[in-house]
Amino acid sequence: MAEDRSYIDANTRERERMRALVERLDDDALTAPVNEHWTVAGVLGHIAYWDIRVLVLAEKIDRGEPWAPGDAEPDGDWLNDSTRPLIHAIAPREAAQFALRIAEQTDARVSELPLDRLWPRDPDSPIYAGRGEHRGEHLDEIEAALRARGSPPG
């Protein structure tokens, strides 16, 4: 099977999009609401949380461990809801910068993982290397919220 690592380009594109956005935003914009539950910085922290999950799961590959049922992504919104207060407790600028650092680490890590341990080649794998899709979805939400409040995203 071919070594399709096209996700690397998509990850890089969305990570750099996130970097450009974070570098343009002032502290007021980072605290702006994206929706009724999340601020801009909170959404960036949410992205970091899910990237960290990939880093933790990648350690199982390093140890040669098989996937366990508990490695699967949980159903429902309860995990996002339970992490929201903790994520919002982080200073907005720090959350944004942390999200960028974690995105860099995650992208570097997934680019070197064996494809046969990643979804979809391994249908049991909880690791989806295409981090750019998740980031892009949330960056779109952030940009739309900023436009709606009269603060162009850049």
N, C-alpha and C. Protein backbone atom coordinates (compact mmCIF):
# COMPACT_ATOMS: atom_id res chain seq x y z
N MET A 1 0.85 -1.18 0.00
CA MET A 1 0.00 0.00 0.00
C MET A 1 0.89 1.25 0.00
N ALA A 2 0.48 2.25 -0.73
CA ALA A 2 1.27 3.47 -0.87
C ALA A 2 1.37 4.20 0.47
N GLU A 3 2.42 4.95 0.58
CA GLU A 3 2.67 5.76 1.79
C GLU A 3 2.00 7.12 1.62
N ASP A 4 0.68 7.18 1.76
CA ASP A 4 -0.05 8.43 1.61
C ASP A 4 0.03 9.23 2.91
N ARG A 5 0.82 10.25 2.89
CA ARG A 5 0.94 11.14 4.04
C ARG A 5 0.50 12.56 3.66
N SER A 6 -0.54 12.63 2.83
CA SER A 6 -1.06 13.93 2.40
C SER A 6 -1.59 14.74 3.58
N TYR A 7 -1.91 14.07 4.68
CA TYR A 7 -2.38 14.78 5.86
C TYR A 7 -1.33 15.74 6.40
N ILE A 8 -0.07 15.51 6.11
CA ILE A 8 0.99 16.39 6.61
C ILE A 8 0.80 17.80 6.07
N ASP A 9 0.52 17.92 4.78
CA ASP A 9 0.31 19.25 4.18
C ASP A 9 -0.92 19.93 4.77
N ALA A 10 -2.00 19.18 4.94
CA ALA A 10 -3.22 19.77 5.51
C ALA A 10 -2.98 20.20 6.96
N ASN A 11 -2.27 19.37 7.72
CA ASN A 11 -1.96 19.74 9.11
C ASN A 11 -1.14 21.02 9.15
N THR A 12 -0.13 21.09 8.29
CA THR A 12 0.74 22.27 8.25
C THR A 12 -0.05 23.51 7.87
N ARG A 13 -0.89 23.39 6.86
CA ARG A 13 -1.69 24.53 6.39
C ARG A 13 -2.57 25.07 7.52
N GLU A 14 -3.28 24.20 8.21
CA GLU A 14 -4.19 24.66 9.27
C GLU A 14 -3.42 25.13 10.51
N ARG A 15 -2.28 24.51 10.80
CA ARG A 15 -1.46 24.98 11.93
C ARG A 15 -0.94 26.38 11.64
N GLU A 16 -0.49 26.63 10.43
CA GLU A 16 0.01 27.96 10.08
C GLU A 16 -1.13 28.98 10.01
N ARG A 17 -2.30 28.52 9.61
CA ARG A 17 -3.49 29.40 9.66
C ARG A 17 -3.77 29.79 11.11
N MET A 18 -3.67 28.83 12.02
CA MET A 18 -3.88 29.11 13.44
C MET A 18 -2.82 30.07 13.95
N ARG A 19 -1.57 29.86 13.55
CA ARG A 19 -0.49 30.75 13.98
C ARG A 19 -0.76 32.18 13.53
N ALA A 20 -1.13 32.35 12.27
CA ALA A 20 -1.39 33.69 11.75
C ALA A 20 -2.54 34.36 12.50
N LEU A 21 -3.57 33.58 12.81
CA LEU A 21 -4.71 34.12 13.55
C LEU A 21 -4.29 34.55 14.96
N VAL A 22 -3.59 33.68 15.66
CA VAL A 22 -3.17 33.98 17.03
C VAL A 22 -2.25 35.20 17.06
N GLU A 23 -1.37 35.32 16.10
CA GLU A 23 -0.45 36.45 16.06
C GLU A 23 -1.17 37.77 15.81
N ARG A 24 -2.31 37.73 15.12
CA ARG A 24 -3.08 38.94 14.83
C ARG A 24 -4.00 39.36 15.96
N LEU A 25 -4.42 38.42 16.79
CA LEU A 25 -5.45 38.72 17.78
C LEU A 25 -4.88 39.39 19.01
N ASP A 26 -5.61 40.42 19.45
CA ASP A 26 -5.24 41.05 20.73
C ASP A 26 -5.94 40.31 21.86
N ASP A 27 -5.66 40.70 23.08
CA ASP A 27 -6.22 40.00 24.23
C ASP A 27 -7.74 40.11 24.27
N ASP A 28 -8.30 41.21 23.82
CA ASP A 28 -9.75 41.37 23.78
C ASP A 28 -10.37 40.34 22.83
N ALA A 29 -9.78 40.16 21.67
CA ALA A 29 -10.30 39.19 20.71
C ALA A 29 -10.19 37.77 21.24
N LEU A 30 -9.13 37.47 21.98
CA LEU A 30 -8.97 36.12 22.53
C LEU A 30 -10.05 35.78 23.55
N THR A 31 -10.62 36.79 24.18
CA THR A 31 -11.69 36.55 25.16
C THR A 31 -13.08 36.70 24.57
N ALA A 32 -13.16 36.98 23.28
CA ALA A 32 -14.46 37.12 22.62
C ALA A 32 -15.17 35.77 22.56
N PRO A 33 -16.49 35.79 22.69
CA PRO A 33 -17.23 34.53 22.60
C PRO A 33 -17.27 34.02 21.16
N VAL A 34 -17.13 32.71 21.02
CA VAL A 34 -17.32 32.05 19.72
C VAL A 34 -18.75 31.53 19.65
N ASN A 35 -19.24 31.09 20.78
CA ASN A 35 -20.62 30.64 20.92
C ASN A 35 -21.01 30.80 22.39
N GLU A 36 -22.11 30.25 22.79
CA GLU A 36 -22.57 30.45 24.17
C GLU A 36 -21.70 29.78 25.21
N HIS A 37 -20.82 28.89 24.79
CA HIS A 37 -20.01 28.12 25.74
C HIS A 37 -18.51 28.42 25.68
N TRP A 38 -18.02 28.85 24.55
CA TRP A 38 -16.57 28.93 24.34
C TRP A 38 -16.13 30.31 23.90
N THR A 39 -14.96 30.73 24.40
CA THR A 39 -14.29 31.94 23.90
C THR A 39 -13.31 31.52 22.81
N VAL A 40 -12.73 32.50 22.15
CA VAL A 40 -11.70 32.21 21.14
C VAL A 40 -10.57 31.42 21.77
N ALA A 41 -10.04 31.90 22.89
CA ALA A 41 -8.94 31.19 23.55
C ALA A 41 -9.39 29.81 24.02
N GLY A 42 -10.63 29.70 24.46
CA GLY A 42 -11.15 28.40 24.87
C GLY A 42 -11.19 27.41 23.74
N VAL A 43 -11.61 27.86 22.56
CA VAL A 43 -11.63 26.97 21.39
C VAL A 43 -10.20 26.53 21.04
N LEU A 44 -9.26 27.45 21.13
CA LEU A 44 -7.86 27.09 20.87
C LEU A 44 -7.37 26.07 21.91
N GLY A 45 -7.77 26.25 23.16
CA GLY A 45 -7.42 25.27 24.19
C GLY A 45 -8.06 23.93 23.93
N HIS A 46 -9.27 23.93 23.42
CA HIS A 46 -9.97 22.70 23.05
C HIS A 46 -9.18 21.97 21.95
N ILE A 47 -8.73 22.71 20.96
CA ILE A 47 -7.92 22.11 19.90
C ILE A 47 -6.67 21.47 20.51
N ALA A 48 -6.03 22.17 21.43
CA ALA A 48 -4.82 21.64 22.08
C ALA A 48 -5.14 20.36 22.84
N TYR A 49 -6.26 20.34 23.55
CA TYR A 49 -6.63 19.14 24.30
C TYR A 49 -6.67 17.92 23.37
N TRP A 50 -7.35 18.04 22.25
CA TRP A 50 -7.49 16.90 21.34
C TRP A 50 -6.17 16.55 20.66
N ASP A 51 -5.31 17.53 20.44
CA ASP A 51 -3.97 17.22 19.92
C ASP A 51 -3.15 16.48 20.97
N ILE A 52 -3.27 16.88 22.23
CA ILE A 52 -2.55 16.19 23.30
C ILE A 52 -2.99 14.73 23.38
N ARG A 53 -4.25 14.49 23.19
CA ARG A 53 -4.75 13.11 23.20
C ARG A 53 -4.00 12.27 22.18
N VAL A 54 -3.76 12.83 21.00
CA VAL A 54 -3.01 12.10 19.97
C VAL A 54 -1.59 11.83 20.45
N LEU A 55 -0.96 12.81 21.09
CA LEU A 55 0.40 12.61 21.59
C LEU A 55 0.45 11.49 22.62
N VAL A 56 -0.52 11.45 23.50
CA VAL A 56 -0.57 10.40 24.52
C VAL A 56 -0.78 9.03 23.88
N LEU A 57 -1.69 8.96 22.93
CA LEU A 57 -1.94 7.69 22.25
C LEU A 57 -0.72 7.24 21.44
N ALA A 58 0.03 8.18 20.89
CA ALA A 58 1.24 7.83 20.13
C ALA A 58 2.26 7.12 21.02
N GLU A 59 2.25 7.43 22.31
CA GLU A 59 3.16 6.76 23.23
C GLU A 59 2.87 5.26 23.31
N LYS A 60 1.62 4.88 23.11
CA LYS A 60 1.29 3.45 23.09
C LYS A 60 1.97 2.76 21.91
N ILE A 61 2.03 3.46 20.79
CA ILE A 61 2.72 2.90 19.63
C ILE A 61 4.19 2.70 19.96
N ASP A 62 4.81 3.70 20.60
CA ASP A 62 6.22 3.61 20.99
C ASP A 62 6.47 2.40 21.89
N ARG A 63 5.51 2.12 22.75
CA ARG A 63 5.67 1.00 23.69
C ARG A 63 5.26 -0.33 23.09
N GLY A 64 4.76 -0.30 21.86
CA GLY A 64 4.33 -1.53 21.19
C GLY A 64 3.04 -2.10 21.76
N GLU A 65 2.22 -1.27 22.36
CA GLU A 65 0.99 -1.73 22.99
C GLU A 65 -0.16 -1.75 21.98
N PRO A 66 -1.04 -2.72 22.12
CA PRO A 66 -2.24 -2.75 21.26
C PRO A 66 -3.25 -1.71 21.73
N TRP A 67 -4.19 -1.40 20.87
CA TRP A 67 -5.25 -0.48 21.25
C TRP A 67 -6.20 -1.19 22.20
N ALA A 68 -6.71 -0.44 23.15
CA ALA A 68 -7.67 -0.96 24.12
C ALA A 68 -9.01 -0.26 23.91
N PRO A 69 -10.10 -0.87 24.33
CA PRO A 69 -11.42 -0.22 24.16
C PRO A 69 -11.47 1.20 24.74
N GLY A 70 -10.77 1.44 25.83
CA GLY A 70 -10.78 2.77 26.44
C GLY A 70 -10.05 3.83 25.65
N ASP A 71 -9.32 3.43 24.60
CA ASP A 71 -8.61 4.39 23.77
C ASP A 71 -9.53 5.10 22.77
N ALA A 72 -10.69 4.52 22.53
CA ALA A 72 -11.62 5.08 21.55
C ALA A 72 -12.11 6.45 22.01
N GLU A 73 -12.42 7.29 21.03
CA GLU A 73 -12.98 8.60 21.35
C GLU A 73 -14.35 8.42 21.97
N PRO A 74 -14.59 9.08 23.10
CA PRO A 74 -15.88 8.89 23.76
C PRO A 74 -17.03 9.49 22.97
N ASP A 75 -18.20 8.88 23.11
CA ASP A 75 -19.40 9.40 22.47
C ASP A 75 -19.97 10.55 23.29
N GLY A 76 -20.57 11.48 22.61
CA GLY A 76 -21.26 12.57 23.29
C GLY A 76 -20.37 13.77 23.54
N ASP A 77 -20.98 14.81 24.06
CA ASP A 77 -20.28 16.07 24.33
C ASP A 77 -19.75 16.17 25.75
N TRP A 78 -19.94 15.13 26.56
CA TRP A 78 -19.60 15.23 27.98
C TRP A 78 -18.12 15.55 28.20
N LEU A 79 -17.23 15.01 27.37
CA LEU A 79 -15.81 15.27 27.58
C LEU A 79 -15.48 16.74 27.29
N ASN A 80 -15.97 17.27 26.19
CA ASN A 80 -15.75 18.68 25.90
C ASN A 80 -16.36 19.56 26.98
N ASP A 81 -17.55 19.19 27.43
CA ASP A 81 -18.21 19.97 28.47
C ASP A 81 -17.42 19.93 29.78
N SER A 82 -16.85 18.78 30.09
CA SER A 82 -16.12 18.66 31.36
C SER A 82 -14.76 19.34 31.32
N THR A 83 -14.17 19.48 30.16
CA THR A 83 -12.86 20.15 30.06
C THR A 83 -12.99 21.67 29.94
N ARG A 84 -14.15 22.15 29.55
CA ARG A 84 -14.33 23.58 29.28
C ARG A 84 -13.94 24.48 30.46
N PRO A 85 -14.38 24.21 31.70
CA PRO A 85 -13.98 25.11 32.80
C PRO A 85 -12.47 25.13 33.02
N LEU A 86 -11.83 23.99 32.88
CA LEU A 86 -10.39 23.94 33.06
C LEU A 86 -9.68 24.72 31.94
N ILE A 87 -10.11 24.51 30.72
CA ILE A 87 -9.50 25.22 29.59
C ILE A 87 -9.69 26.72 29.74
N HIS A 88 -10.88 27.15 30.14
CA HIS A 88 -11.13 28.59 30.29
C HIS A 88 -10.41 29.20 31.49
N ALA A 89 -9.91 28.37 32.39
CA ALA A 89 -9.15 28.88 33.54
C ALA A 89 -7.73 29.28 33.15
N ILE A 90 -7.29 28.88 31.98
CA ILE A 90 -5.96 29.23 31.49
C ILE A 90 -6.01 30.64 30.91
N ALA A 91 -4.99 31.44 31.20
CA ALA A 91 -4.93 32.80 30.66
C ALA A 91 -5.06 32.73 29.14
N PRO A 92 -5.90 33.58 28.54
CA PRO A 92 -6.18 33.48 27.11
C PRO A 92 -4.94 33.49 26.21
N ARG A 93 -4.00 34.39 26.44
CA ARG A 93 -2.81 34.43 25.59
C ARG A 93 -2.00 33.14 25.75
N GLU A 94 -1.89 32.66 26.98
CA GLU A 94 -1.16 31.42 27.23
C GLU A 94 -1.84 30.23 26.55
N ALA A 95 -3.17 30.18 26.61
CA ALA A 95 -3.90 29.10 25.95
C ALA A 95 -3.65 29.11 24.45
N ALA A 96 -3.65 30.29 23.85
CA ALA A 96 -3.42 30.41 22.41
C ALA A 96 -2.01 29.97 22.04
N GLN A 97 -1.03 30.42 22.79
CA GLN A 97 0.36 30.05 22.51
C GLN A 97 0.60 28.56 22.77
N PHE A 98 -0.02 28.04 23.82
CA PHE A 98 0.08 26.62 24.14
C PHE A 98 -0.50 25.78 23.00
N ALA A 99 -1.65 26.20 22.47
CA ALA A 99 -2.27 25.48 21.36
C ALA A 99 -1.33 25.40 20.16
N LEU A 100 -0.61 26.49 19.90
CA LEU A 100 0.35 26.47 18.78
C LEU A 100 1.51 25.51 19.06
N ARG A 101 2.04 25.55 20.27
CA ARG A 101 3.16 24.64 20.61
C ARG A 101 2.74 23.19 20.51
N ILE A 102 1.55 22.88 21.02
CA ILE A 102 1.07 21.50 20.97
C ILE A 102 0.79 21.08 19.53
N ALA A 103 0.25 21.97 18.72
CA ALA A 103 0.00 21.66 17.31
C ALA A 103 1.32 21.32 16.60
N GLU A 104 2.35 22.07 16.88
CA GLU A 104 3.66 21.78 16.28
C GLU A 104 4.16 20.40 16.69
N GLN A 105 4.07 20.11 17.98
CA GLN A 105 4.52 18.81 18.48
C GLN A 105 3.70 17.67 17.88
N THR A 106 2.39 17.87 17.84
CA THR A 106 1.51 16.82 17.33
C THR A 106 1.76 16.57 15.85
N ASP A 107 1.90 17.64 15.08
CA ASP A 107 2.14 17.47 13.65
C ASP A 107 3.46 16.76 13.38
N ALA A 108 4.49 17.13 14.13
CA ALA A 108 5.77 16.46 13.97
C ALA A 108 5.64 14.98 14.33
N ARG A 109 4.92 14.69 15.38
CA ARG A 109 4.77 13.31 15.85
C ARG A 109 3.99 12.46 14.87
N VAL A 110 2.83 12.95 14.41
CA VAL A 110 2.02 12.13 13.51
C VAL A 110 2.70 11.94 12.16
N SER A 111 3.57 12.84 11.78
CA SER A 111 4.26 12.69 10.49
C SER A 111 5.22 11.52 10.50
N GLU A 112 5.61 11.05 11.68
CA GLU A 112 6.58 9.95 11.76
C GLU A 112 5.96 8.64 12.24
N LEU A 113 4.69 8.65 12.60
CA LEU A 113 4.05 7.42 13.07
C LEU A 113 3.85 6.45 11.92
N PRO A 114 3.91 5.15 12.21
CA PRO A 114 3.68 4.15 11.15
C PRO A 114 2.22 4.16 10.71
N LEU A 115 2.02 4.23 9.41
CA LEU A 115 0.67 4.31 8.86
C LEU A 115 -0.18 3.11 9.23
N ASP A 116 0.44 1.96 9.43
CA ASP A 116 -0.35 0.78 9.76
C ASP A 116 -0.90 0.80 11.18
N ARG A 117 -0.54 1.82 11.98
CA ARG A 117 -1.12 1.98 13.32
C ARG A 117 -2.09 3.16 13.37
N LEU A 118 -2.34 3.79 12.23
CA LEU A 118 -3.23 4.95 12.17
C LEU A 118 -4.53 4.60 11.45
N TRP A 119 -5.61 5.29 11.86
CA TRP A 119 -6.86 5.17 11.12
C TRP A 119 -6.69 5.91 9.80
N PRO A 120 -7.10 5.45 8.68
CA PRO A 120 -8.01 4.35 8.44
C PRO A 120 -7.33 3.01 8.16
N ARG A 121 -6.01 3.02 7.95
CA ARG A 121 -5.36 1.74 7.65
C ARG A 121 -5.56 0.74 8.78
N ASP A 122 -5.50 1.22 10.01
CA ASP A 122 -5.84 0.39 11.16
C ASP A 122 -7.21 0.86 11.64
N PRO A 123 -8.27 0.12 11.30
CA PRO A 123 -9.62 0.57 11.65
C PRO A 123 -9.88 0.65 13.15
N ASP A 124 -9.04 0.02 13.97
CA ASP A 124 -9.20 0.09 15.42
C ASP A 124 -8.43 1.24 16.04
N SER A 125 -7.62 1.92 15.23
CA SER A 125 -6.77 2.98 15.77
C SER A 125 -7.60 4.19 16.20
N PRO A 126 -7.31 4.73 17.39
CA PRO A 126 -7.96 5.96 17.82
C PRO A 126 -7.22 7.20 17.33
N ILE A 127 -6.15 7.00 16.55
CA ILE A 127 -5.37 8.14 16.07
C ILE A 127 -5.74 8.45 14.63
N TYR A 128 -6.27 9.64 14.46
CA TYR A 128 -6.54 10.18 13.13
C TYR A 128 -5.48 11.25 12.89
N ALA A 129 -4.57 10.97 11.97
CA ALA A 129 -3.43 11.85 11.75
C ALA A 129 -3.81 13.18 11.10
N GLY A 130 -4.98 13.26 10.50
CA GLY A 130 -5.42 14.48 9.84
C GLY A 130 -5.90 15.52 10.84
N ARG A 131 -4.98 16.08 11.60
CA ARG A 131 -5.31 17.07 12.63
C ARG A 131 -5.86 18.36 12.01
N GLY A 132 -5.49 18.63 10.78
CA GLY A 132 -5.91 19.86 10.12
C GLY A 132 -7.42 19.99 9.99
N GLU A 133 -8.11 18.87 9.83
CA GLU A 133 -9.57 18.94 9.69
C GLU A 133 -10.23 19.49 10.95
N HIS A 134 -9.82 18.97 12.10
CA HIS A 134 -10.39 19.44 13.37
C HIS A 134 -10.05 20.91 13.59
N ARG A 135 -8.79 21.26 13.37
CA ARG A 135 -8.39 22.66 13.54
C ARG A 135 -9.15 23.57 12.60
N GLY A 136 -9.23 23.17 11.34
CA GLY A 136 -9.89 24.00 10.34
C GLY A 136 -11.35 24.28 10.67
N GLU A 137 -12.04 23.25 11.15
CA GLU A 137 -13.44 23.42 11.54
C GLU A 137 -13.58 24.49 12.62
N HIS A 138 -12.71 24.43 13.62
CA HIS A 138 -12.80 25.40 14.72
C HIS A 138 -12.24 26.77 14.34
N LEU A 139 -11.25 26.82 13.48
CA LEU A 139 -10.76 28.12 13.02
C LEU A 139 -11.83 28.83 12.21
N ASP A 140 -12.59 28.07 11.42
CA ASP A 140 -13.72 28.66 10.68
C ASP A 140 -14.71 29.28 11.66
N GLU A 141 -15.01 28.56 12.76
CA GLU A 141 -15.95 29.08 13.76
C GLU A 141 -15.42 30.35 14.41
N ILE A 142 -14.14 30.35 14.74
CA ILE A 142 -13.53 31.54 15.36
C ILE A 142 -13.62 32.73 14.41
N GLU A 143 -13.23 32.52 13.16
CA GLU A 143 -13.24 33.62 12.20
C GLU A 143 -14.65 34.15 11.97
N ALA A 144 -15.63 33.26 11.91
CA ALA A 144 -17.02 33.70 11.74
C ALA A 144 -17.48 34.52 12.95
N ALA A 145 -17.13 34.09 14.15
CA ALA A 145 -17.52 34.82 15.36
C ALA A 145 -16.87 36.19 15.40
N LEU A 146 -15.62 36.27 15.01
CA LEU A 146 -14.93 37.56 15.01
C LEU A 146 -15.52 38.50 13.96
N ARG A 147 -15.85 37.96 12.81
CA ARG A 147 -16.50 38.80 11.78
C ARG A 147 -17.85 39.30 12.27
N ALA A 148 -18.60 38.44 12.94
CA ALA A 148 -19.93 38.82 13.42
C ALA A 148 -19.87 39.92 14.47
N ARG A 149 -18.78 40.00 15.19
CA ARG A 149 -18.67 41.06 16.20
C ARG A 149 -17.97 42.30 15.64
N GLY A 150 -17.66 42.28 14.34
CA GLY A 150 -17.05 43.43 13.70
C GLY A 150 -15.53 43.46 13.81
N SER A 151 -14.94 42.35 14.21
CA SER A 151 -13.48 42.25 14.29
C SER A 151 -13.02 41.27 13.24
N PRO A 152 -12.58 41.78 12.09
CA PRO A 152 -12.16 40.85 11.05
C PRO A 152 -11.01 39.97 11.55
N PRO A 153 -11.06 38.68 11.19
CA PRO A 153 -10.03 37.77 11.66
C PRO A 153 -8.65 38.04 11.07
N GLY A 154 -8.58 38.89 10.12
CA GLY A 154 -7.26 39.25 9.60
C GLY A 154 -7.17 39.25 8.13
